[in-house]
Amino acid sequence: MNIREQSEKNEGLILSQYACLSSCSRGRGREEEKCSVRTDFQRDRDRIIHCKAFRRLKHKTQVFLSPEGDHYRTRLTHTLEVSQIARTVARGLRLNEDLTEAVSLGHDLGHTPFGHAGERALDMLMDGGFRHYEQSLRVVDTLEKDGKGLNLTYETRNGILCHTRGKEADTLEGRIVRIADRIAYINHDIDDAVRAGIIHQEDLPDDALRVLGYSTSERINTLVISLLENSTEGELKMSGEVSEVFERLHKFMFSCVYSNRNAKLEEKKVPDLMSFLYEYFVAHPDNLPVENKLTASSEGIPRAVCDYLAGMTDRYAIEQFERLFVPRSWGWKRS
């Protein structure tokens, strides 16, 4: 029995009857020889961590566009916080922590530059719209590894696709990520908004804080413990009181931060920037990178341009816009 087989055996002995065992995975799109050391879900996690799209998350907006200061969240730090919360819940419920981690790390790989403002801009530009969770699946299925994709398991792919809206994931591990995503962004966005002076601690609804806690760590701890204590029979849920005040806090953030005019002032520029870039590359597909040119020939120019723009970091998108549309001073040198 090799190390992987021993790990799979241990899963069967230790994990809950509701857990998704790696030995029972529905498999990959392309058959592969099993690793002698890692389970299939551990391999998924490693492939995501080492892919290019994961590295680009460090320069993509979470809530505040290009904030000045080292302590604001980026899409990468958000992803790591989601993973930490989700793994804690999975471990506490004796579910598959490796699958939970893989879904957590991959859930935002398809996010655009400039956060949800960039997503809304591409949604307006693309026939059929644009949704970051579908793009995340496209990244792991098609775009990574020069068009070969990462060939992840069905369960990881399903969790990535279902992490935010619509149909729930088939596994409890995937559903945990959906909840952990919400726990993470509400709480770290409060922290960032207070740091930015958009809101103050005393602005937060006190009835929610009395239940959840007055600090980020207290609130996350309360939410996680409530989830662990109230989830039964393969169903994930919090207590009625905690769920109610968490929803109230969520609504407060949407009204006071996510739609705050001062916080979102720079976002007004995003649709024009994305539109200019989109129209330019649709008109000049020869200027796309090689991998996107291949997509243009097989799936059409708009799809190729969308992939290119969605994969950009904030600063790269700004650099491309300046290169293409902002005049530079002219200089002449004598030969």
Protein backbone atom coordinates (compact mmCIF):
# COMPACT_ATOMS: atom_id res chain seq x y z
CA MET A 1 0.00 0.00 0.00
CA ASN A 2 1.53 3.34 -1.07
CA ILE A 3 1.12 6.69 0.71
CA ARG A 4 -1.89 7.76 -1.38
CA GLU A 5 -3.69 4.49 -0.78
CA GLN A 6 -3.04 4.79 2.95
CA SER A 7 -4.42 8.36 2.89
CA GLU A 8 -7.52 7.16 1.07
CA LYS A 9 -7.96 4.38 3.62
CA ASN A 10 -7.62 6.89 6.48
CA GLU A 11 -10.30 9.10 4.91
CA GLY A 12 -12.71 6.18 5.01
CA LEU A 13 -11.95 5.55 8.68
CA ILE A 14 -11.95 9.15 9.92
CA LEU A 15 -14.28 11.24 7.78
CA SER A 16 -18.04 11.62 8.14
CA GLN A 17 -20.48 9.55 6.11
CA TYR A 18 -21.38 12.84 4.37
CA ALA A 19 -17.80 13.55 3.26
CA CYS A 20 -16.66 13.23 -0.33
CA LEU A 21 -13.90 10.62 -0.28
CA SER A 22 -11.08 11.13 -2.76
CA SER A 23 -11.24 7.44 -3.66
CA CYS A 24 -14.86 7.95 -4.73
CA SER A 25 -14.25 10.95 -6.98
CA ARG A 26 -16.10 11.01 -10.29
CA GLY A 27 -12.70 11.50 -11.84
CA ARG A 28 -11.05 13.80 -14.36
CA GLY A 29 -12.00 14.69 -17.91
CA ARG A 30 -8.84 12.99 -19.12
CA GLU A 31 -7.69 9.82 -17.42
CA GLU A 32 -4.34 10.02 -15.65
CA GLU A 33 -2.13 7.65 -13.74
CA LYS A 34 -2.69 8.09 -10.00
CA CYS A 35 -0.01 9.77 -7.89
CA SER A 36 1.69 7.44 -5.41
CA VAL A 37 1.78 10.13 -2.71
CA ARG A 38 -1.12 12.57 -3.13
CA THR A 39 -4.85 11.95 -3.36
CA ASP A 40 -6.70 13.34 -6.37
CA PHE A 41 -7.99 16.35 -4.41
CA GLN A 42 -4.50 17.12 -3.10
CA ARG A 43 -3.25 17.12 -6.68
CA ASP A 44 -6.06 19.52 -7.65
CA ARG A 45 -4.98 21.88 -4.87
CA ASP A 46 -1.33 21.78 -5.98
CA ARG A 47 -2.18 22.39 -9.62
CA ILE A 48 -4.23 25.46 -8.70
CA ILE A 49 -1.53 26.91 -6.44
CA HIS A 50 1.10 26.56 -9.17
CA CYS A 51 -0.98 27.94 -12.06
CA LYS A 52 -0.45 31.41 -13.53
CA ALA A 53 -3.97 32.63 -12.83
CA PHE A 54 -3.46 32.03 -9.11
CA ARG A 55 -0.33 34.17 -9.06
CA ARG A 56 -2.11 37.02 -10.82
CA LEU A 57 -4.68 37.26 -8.00
CA LYS A 58 -2.17 39.22 -5.90
CA HIS A 59 -2.59 42.22 -8.23
CA LYS A 60 -6.37 42.08 -8.64
CA THR A 61 -8.79 44.28 -6.72
CA GLN A 62 -10.94 42.88 -3.93
CA VAL A 63 -13.05 45.96 -3.05
CA PHE A 64 -10.91 49.11 -3.25
CA LEU A 65 -9.20 49.89 -6.54
CA SER A 66 -5.41 50.26 -6.26
CA PRO A 67 -5.50 51.29 -2.59
CA GLU A 68 -2.54 53.11 -1.09
CA GLY A 69 -1.30 51.03 1.80
CA ASP A 70 0.05 47.55 2.31
CA HIS A 71 -2.76 46.11 4.42
CA TYR A 72 -5.79 46.20 2.14
CA ARG A 73 -7.02 42.88 0.83
CA THR A 74 -6.40 41.76 -2.72
CA ARG A 75 -8.14 38.94 -4.55
CA LEU A 76 -5.30 36.65 -3.42
CA THR A 77 -5.50 37.46 0.29
CA HIS A 78 -9.28 37.08 0.07
CA THR A 79 -8.79 33.62 -1.44
CA LEU A 80 -6.43 32.60 1.36
CA GLU A 81 -8.86 33.82 4.02
CA VAL A 82 -11.69 31.85 2.40
CA SER A 83 -9.49 28.76 2.38
CA GLN A 84 -8.61 29.13 6.06
CA ILE A 85 -12.26 29.51 7.13
CA ALA A 86 -13.50 26.72 4.86
CA ARG A 87 -10.83 24.29 6.02
CA THR A 88 -11.66 24.95 9.66
CA VAL A 89 -15.34 24.18 9.01
CA ALA A 90 -14.52 21.07 6.97
CA ARG A 91 -12.24 19.75 9.67
CA GLY A 92 -14.79 20.43 12.39
CA LEU A 93 -17.51 18.55 10.48
CA ARG A 94 -15.14 15.73 9.48
CA LEU A 95 -15.51 16.50 5.80
CA ASN A 96 -12.78 16.35 3.17
CA GLU A 97 -10.40 19.20 3.93
CA ASP A 98 -8.33 18.66 0.77
CA LEU A 99 -11.33 19.04 -1.54
CA THR A 100 -12.50 22.08 0.43
CA GLU A 101 -9.08 23.68 0.09
CA ALA A 102 -8.87 23.00 -3.64
CA VAL A 103 -12.26 24.60 -4.30
CA SER A 104 -11.39 27.56 -2.06
CA LEU A 105 -8.12 28.27 -3.83
CA GLY A 106 -9.68 27.99 -7.28
CA HIS A 107 -12.97 29.79 -6.76
CA ASP A 108 -11.89 33.26 -7.97
CA LEU A 109 -9.33 32.37 -10.65
CA GLY A 110 -11.58 33.87 -13.33
CA HIS A 111 -12.15 37.19 -11.60
CA THR A 112 -11.52 40.30 -13.69
CA PRO A 113 -9.30 43.27 -12.94
CA PHE A 114 -10.99 45.99 -10.88
CA GLY A 115 -13.15 43.55 -8.93
CA HIS A 116 -16.88 43.42 -9.60
CA ALA A 117 -16.68 46.67 -11.57
CA GLY A 118 -14.58 44.84 -14.16
CA GLU A 119 -16.98 41.91 -14.08
CA ARG A 120 -19.96 44.18 -14.73
CA ALA A 121 -18.11 45.86 -17.60
CA LEU A 122 -17.37 42.55 -19.34
CA ASP A 123 -20.92 41.41 -18.67
CA MET A 124 -22.15 44.40 -20.69
CA LEU A 125 -19.65 43.84 -23.50
CA MET A 126 -20.07 40.11 -24.05
CA ASP A 127 -23.00 38.55 -25.87
CA GLY A 128 -24.44 36.14 -23.35
CA GLY A 129 -22.89 38.09 -20.49
CA PHE A 130 -19.93 37.35 -18.26
CA ARG A 131 -19.84 35.70 -14.83
CA HIS A 132 -16.60 35.30 -12.95
CA TYR A 133 -17.46 31.85 -11.59
CA GLU A 134 -17.98 30.52 -15.12
CA GLN A 135 -14.70 32.14 -16.14
CA SER A 136 -12.98 30.48 -13.15
CA LEU A 137 -14.09 27.11 -14.50
CA ARG A 138 -12.94 28.09 -17.98
CA VAL A 139 -9.51 28.99 -16.58
CA VAL A 140 -8.97 25.55 -15.04
CA ASP A 141 -10.62 23.64 -17.90
CA THR A 142 -9.27 25.44 -20.95
CA LEU A 143 -6.95 28.40 -20.47
CA GLU A 144 -4.20 27.15 -18.19
CA LYS A 145 -1.21 25.13 -19.42
CA ASP A 146 -1.33 26.53 -22.96
CA GLY A 147 -4.90 25.48 -23.58
CA LYS A 148 -4.66 22.03 -22.02
CA GLY A 149 -6.26 23.06 -18.74
CA LEU A 150 -5.47 21.64 -15.31
CA ASN A 151 -7.64 18.53 -15.76
CA LEU A 152 -9.13 18.80 -12.27
CA THR A 153 -11.58 16.36 -10.73
CA TYR A 154 -15.30 16.77 -11.23
CA GLU A 155 -15.86 17.68 -7.56
CA THR A 156 -13.34 20.54 -7.55
CA ARG A 157 -14.68 21.90 -10.83
CA ASN A 158 -18.27 21.68 -9.60
CA GLY A 159 -17.40 23.51 -6.37
CA ILE A 160 -15.68 26.32 -8.29
CA LEU A 161 -18.65 26.78 -10.61
CA CYS A 162 -21.24 26.76 -7.83
CA HIS A 163 -19.41 28.87 -5.24
CA THR A 164 -21.53 32.00 -5.43
CA ARG A 165 -24.91 31.90 -7.19
CA GLY A 166 -27.51 29.56 -8.58
CA LYS A 167 -27.30 25.83 -8.04
CA GLU A 168 -25.46 24.63 -4.96
CA ALA A 169 -22.42 22.40 -5.26
CA ASP A 170 -22.98 18.65 -5.32
CA THR A 171 -20.68 18.15 -2.31
CA LEU A 172 -20.86 19.58 1.20
CA GLU A 173 -17.24 20.62 0.75
CA GLY A 174 -18.21 22.84 -2.18
CA ARG A 175 -21.12 24.28 -0.21
CA ILE A 176 -18.80 25.13 2.67
CA VAL A 177 -16.73 27.29 0.33
CA ARG A 178 -19.84 29.22 -0.67
CA ILE A 179 -20.53 30.07 2.98
CA ALA A 180 -16.86 30.70 3.82
CA ASP A 181 -16.59 33.10 0.88
CA ARG A 182 -19.41 35.19 2.33
CA ILE A 183 -18.04 35.05 5.88
CA ALA A 184 -14.61 36.14 4.64
CA TYR A 185 -15.56 39.03 2.39
CA ILE A 186 -18.14 40.62 4.69
CA ASN A 187 -15.69 40.67 7.60
CA HIS A 188 -12.51 41.64 5.81
CA ASP A 189 -14.38 44.29 3.82
CA ILE A 190 -15.54 45.83 7.11
CA ASP A 191 -11.92 45.92 8.23
CA ASP A 192 -10.76 47.54 4.98
CA ALA A 193 -13.65 50.01 4.93
CA VAL A 194 -12.87 51.17 8.47
CA ARG A 195 -9.18 51.46 7.58
CA ALA A 196 -10.10 53.56 4.53
CA GLY A 197 -12.38 55.84 6.56
CA ILE A 198 -15.43 54.88 4.50
CA ILE A 199 -17.24 53.78 7.65
CA HIS A 200 -16.41 53.88 11.35
CA GLN A 201 -16.74 51.13 13.91
CA GLU A 202 -19.67 52.93 15.55
CA ASP A 203 -21.56 52.93 12.22
CA LEU A 204 -21.91 49.14 12.27
CA PRO A 205 -25.32 47.84 13.42
CA ASP A 206 -24.89 47.30 17.15
CA ASP A 207 -27.55 44.60 17.39
CA ALA A 208 -25.49 42.50 14.96
CA LEU A 209 -22.23 43.19 16.77
CA ARG A 210 -23.70 42.22 20.15
CA VAL A 211 -24.38 38.75 18.72
CA LEU A 212 -21.42 38.30 16.36
CA GLY A 213 -18.68 40.26 18.10
CA TYR A 214 -17.00 43.63 17.87
CA SER A 215 -13.79 42.53 16.12
CA THR A 216 -13.15 40.69 12.86
CA SER A 217 -11.79 37.62 14.64
CA GLU A 218 -14.72 37.51 17.08
CA ARG A 219 -17.27 37.68 14.27
CA ILE A 220 -15.60 34.99 12.19
CA ASN A 221 -15.27 32.78 15.27
CA THR A 222 -18.98 33.20 16.12
CA LEU A 223 -20.10 32.42 12.58
CA VAL A 224 -17.86 29.36 12.26
CA ILE A 225 -18.85 27.95 15.65
CA SER A 226 -22.54 28.50 14.90
CA LEU A 227 -22.09 26.64 11.62
CA LEU A 228 -20.31 23.76 13.35
CA GLU A 229 -22.86 23.50 16.16
CA ASN A 230 -25.98 23.66 13.99
CA SER A 231 -25.02 21.64 10.90
CA THR A 232 -26.56 18.17 11.12
CA GLU A 233 -27.62 15.29 8.89
CA GLY A 234 -25.54 16.55 5.99
CA GLU A 235 -27.08 20.04 6.12
CA LEU A 236 -25.04 23.22 6.64
CA LYS A 237 -26.75 25.88 8.73
CA MET A 238 -26.22 28.45 11.48
CA SER A 239 -28.55 29.24 14.37
CA GLY A 240 -31.55 31.40 13.50
CA GLU A 241 -30.27 34.38 15.51
CA VAL A 242 -26.75 34.30 14.07
CA SER A 243 -28.05 33.85 10.53
CA GLU A 244 -30.47 36.76 10.94
CA VAL A 245 -27.94 39.27 12.25
CA PHE A 246 -25.33 38.15 9.71
CA GLU A 247 -27.84 38.91 6.96
CA ARG A 248 -28.41 42.32 8.54
CA LEU A 249 -24.67 42.99 8.50
CA HIS A 250 -24.55 41.91 4.86
CA LYS A 251 -27.28 44.40 3.93
CA PHE A 252 -25.48 47.15 5.84
CA MET A 253 -22.31 46.55 3.83
CA PHE A 254 -24.18 46.72 0.53
CA SER A 255 -25.87 49.99 1.41
CA CYS A 256 -22.93 51.71 3.13
CA VAL A 257 -19.80 50.32 1.46
CA TYR A 258 -20.40 48.39 -1.76
CA SER A 259 -22.56 51.21 -3.13
CA ASN A 260 -20.81 54.06 -1.32
CA ARG A 261 -20.09 56.89 -3.74
CA ASN A 262 -16.73 57.82 -2.20
CA ALA A 263 -15.55 54.23 -1.96
CA LYS A 264 -16.54 53.52 -5.56
CA LEU A 265 -15.56 56.88 -7.11
CA GLU A 266 -12.79 55.44 -9.28
CA GLU A 267 -15.00 52.57 -10.46
CA LYS A 268 -16.83 54.98 -12.77
CA LYS A 269 -13.75 54.90 -15.00
CA VAL A 270 -13.67 51.11 -15.28
CA PRO A 271 -16.43 50.58 -17.91
CA ASP A 272 -14.81 53.03 -20.35
CA LEU A 273 -11.35 51.56 -19.80
CA MET A 274 -12.57 48.00 -20.34
CA SER A 275 -14.69 49.05 -23.32
CA PHE A 276 -11.78 50.82 -25.03
CA LEU A 277 -9.53 47.78 -24.55
CA TYR A 278 -12.22 45.37 -25.70
CA GLU A 279 -13.02 47.31 -28.87
CA TYR A 280 -9.35 47.80 -29.68
CA PHE A 281 -8.44 44.12 -29.46
CA VAL A 282 -11.58 43.01 -31.28
CA ALA A 283 -10.51 45.33 -34.11
CA HIS A 284 -6.82 44.29 -33.83
CA PRO A 285 -6.77 40.57 -32.92
CA ASP A 286 -3.25 40.24 -34.33
CA ASN A 287 -2.06 42.16 -31.27
CA LEU A 288 -3.37 39.50 -28.88
CA PRO A 289 -0.92 37.08 -27.22
CA VAL A 290 -0.33 33.82 -29.06
CA GLU A 291 -2.57 31.72 -26.81
CA ASN A 292 -5.48 34.13 -27.29
CA LYS A 293 -4.97 34.12 -31.05
CA LEU A 294 -5.49 30.37 -30.98
CA THR A 295 -8.75 30.90 -29.08
CA ALA A 296 -9.79 33.51 -31.64
CA SER A 297 -9.38 31.01 -34.45
CA SER A 298 -11.33 28.27 -32.67
CA GLU A 299 -13.94 30.16 -30.61
CA GLY A 300 -14.07 33.60 -32.15
CA ILE A 301 -12.40 36.95 -31.52
CA PRO A 302 -14.82 38.24 -28.83
CA ARG A 303 -14.23 35.13 -26.69
CA ALA A 304 -10.47 35.48 -27.08
CA VAL A 305 -10.52 39.16 -26.15
CA CYS A 306 -12.73 38.45 -23.13
CA ASP A 307 -10.28 35.80 -21.89
CA TYR A 308 -7.39 38.23 -22.34
CA LEU A 309 -9.08 41.09 -20.48
CA ALA A 310 -10.45 38.90 -17.68
CA GLY A 311 -6.96 37.54 -17.04
CA MET A 312 -5.36 40.97 -16.68
CA THR A 313 -4.28 42.37 -13.35
CA ASP A 314 -5.40 45.90 -12.47
CA ARG A 315 -2.03 47.46 -13.19
CA TYR A 316 -1.52 45.56 -16.46
CA ALA A 317 -4.93 46.71 -17.73
CA ILE A 318 -4.01 50.31 -16.87
CA GLU A 319 -0.61 49.93 -18.57
CA GLN A 320 -2.25 48.59 -21.74
CA PHE A 321 -4.77 51.42 -21.75
CA GLU A 322 -2.04 54.04 -21.36
CA ARG A 323 0.07 52.39 -24.05
CA LEU A 324 -2.79 52.33 -26.53
CA PHE A 325 -4.75 55.50 -25.79
CA VAL A 326 -2.66 58.01 -23.82
CA PRO A 327 -0.36 60.18 -25.99
CA ARG A 328 3.32 60.15 -25.09
CA SER A 329 5.68 63.09 -25.41
CA TRP A 330 7.53 63.12 -28.73
CA GLY A 331 11.29 63.08 -28.80
CA TRP A 332 13.78 63.25 -31.66
CA LYS A 333 17.34 62.05 -31.53
CA ARG A 334 19.99 62.84 -34.11
CA SER A 335 21.55 59.68 -35.52
